[in-house]
Amino acid sequence: MTGGGSTGRMPTWKERENNKRRERRRRAIAAKIYTGLRAQGNYKLPKHCDNNEVLKALCAEAGWIVEEDGTTYRKGCKRPTGSEIGGTPPNISA
């Protein structure tokens, strides 16, 4: 058996060029969307934002709070505890 073994195949020159072109187009479209949201939707987005920033802005508009760690909850509600997020339910006994 050879070492590594998970190198995978190398994409051809044409595939790499197509991937570059596709990614460049995707970024250009995203930049136009973000520009439109800033201008038309009055969103306060950073100059170089990503999808997460847009989702945070949309959540804030819809009345949700998004914390730095990704915890999301409605405005006016208390922050969920660790057991409410994904831990064991509080009423299960050992």
Protein backbone atom coordinates (compact mmCIF):
# COMPACT_ATOMS: atom_id res chain seq x y z
CA MET A 1 0.00 0.00 0.00
CA THR A 2 1.23 3.49 -0.77
CA GLY A 3 1.21 6.35 1.69
CA GLY A 4 -1.52 8.99 1.72
CA GLY A 5 -3.88 7.38 -0.73
CA SER A 6 -6.35 10.26 -0.69
CA THR A 7 -4.72 12.55 -3.22
CA GLY A 8 -7.65 12.31 -5.66
CA ARG A 9 -7.44 13.16 -9.31
CA MET A 10 -6.03 16.35 -10.70
CA PRO A 11 -8.58 18.42 -12.65
CA THR A 12 -7.71 19.15 -16.24
CA TRP A 13 -6.66 22.59 -17.42
CA LYS A 14 -10.11 23.16 -18.96
CA GLU A 15 -11.89 22.15 -15.72
CA ARG A 16 -9.72 24.54 -13.71
CA GLU A 17 -10.47 27.38 -16.12
CA ASN A 18 -14.21 26.64 -15.97
CA ASN A 19 -14.08 26.58 -12.16
CA LYS A 20 -12.27 29.93 -12.08
CA ARG A 21 -14.78 31.44 -14.48
CA ARG A 22 -17.74 30.05 -12.50
CA GLU A 23 -16.37 31.32 -9.19
CA ARG A 24 -15.60 34.75 -10.65
CA ARG A 25 -19.17 34.98 -11.99
CA ARG A 26 -20.63 33.84 -8.66
CA ARG A 27 -18.66 36.50 -6.80
CA ALA A 28 -19.70 39.19 -9.28
CA ILE A 29 -23.38 38.29 -8.88
CA ALA A 30 -23.06 38.25 -5.09
CA ALA A 31 -21.38 41.67 -5.17
CA LYS A 32 -24.26 43.07 -7.25
CA ILE A 33 -26.81 41.61 -4.81
CA TYR A 34 -24.99 43.12 -1.83
CA THR A 35 -24.73 46.50 -3.57
CA GLY A 36 -28.45 46.43 -4.27
CA LEU A 37 -29.25 45.51 -0.67
CA ARG A 38 -27.16 48.43 0.55
CA ALA A 39 -28.70 50.92 -1.89
CA GLN A 40 -32.32 49.79 -2.11
CA GLY A 41 -32.85 47.89 1.14
CA ASN A 42 -30.96 50.19 3.53
CA TYR A 43 -28.92 47.27 4.89
CA LYS A 44 -25.79 48.24 6.76
CA LEU A 45 -23.45 45.63 5.28
CA PRO A 46 -19.64 45.83 5.40
CA LYS A 47 -17.77 46.52 2.17
CA HIS A 48 -16.53 42.94 1.88
CA CYS A 49 -19.40 40.92 3.30
CA ASP A 50 -20.37 37.31 2.82
CA ASN A 51 -23.59 35.32 2.99
CA ASN A 52 -23.42 35.15 6.79
CA GLU A 53 -23.49 38.95 7.09
CA VAL A 54 -26.52 39.12 4.81
CA LEU A 55 -28.31 36.43 6.83
CA LYS A 56 -27.57 38.31 10.06
CA ALA A 57 -29.02 41.51 8.57
CA LEU A 58 -32.14 39.68 7.37
CA CYS A 59 -32.59 38.00 10.76
CA ALA A 60 -32.27 41.35 12.52
CA GLU A 61 -34.93 42.83 10.22
CA ALA A 62 -37.25 39.89 10.91
CA GLY A 63 -36.90 40.35 14.67
CA TRP A 64 -34.27 37.74 15.50
CA ILE A 65 -30.99 38.19 17.37
CA VAL A 66 -27.90 36.40 16.05
CA GLU A 67 -24.96 36.20 18.45
CA GLU A 68 -21.29 35.81 17.48
CA ASP A 69 -21.34 32.06 18.19
CA GLY A 70 -24.34 31.61 15.85
CA THR A 71 -26.98 31.33 18.57
CA THR A 72 -30.25 32.70 17.21
CA TYR A 73 -33.37 33.65 19.14
CA ARG A 74 -36.33 36.03 18.95
CA LYS A 75 -36.02 39.57 20.28
CA GLY A 76 -37.59 39.83 23.70
CA CYS A 77 -36.88 36.19 24.56
CA LYS A 78 -34.12 35.06 26.88
CA ARG A 79 -30.95 33.55 25.47
CA PRO A 80 -31.28 29.74 25.29
CA THR A 81 -29.12 27.72 27.67
CA GLY A 82 -26.79 24.91 26.62
CA SER A 83 -29.32 22.19 27.43
CA GLU A 84 -32.00 23.88 25.31
CA ILE A 85 -29.71 24.20 22.29
CA GLY A 86 -28.57 20.64 21.82
CA GLY A 87 -27.75 19.01 25.13
CA THR A 88 -29.83 16.51 27.05
CA PRO A 89 -33.35 17.60 28.02
CA PRO A 90 -33.49 18.98 31.57
CA ASN A 91 -36.22 16.59 32.80
CA ILE A 92 -34.37 13.29 32.16
CA SER A 93 -33.01 11.64 35.29
CA ALA A 94 -30.01 9.33 35.37
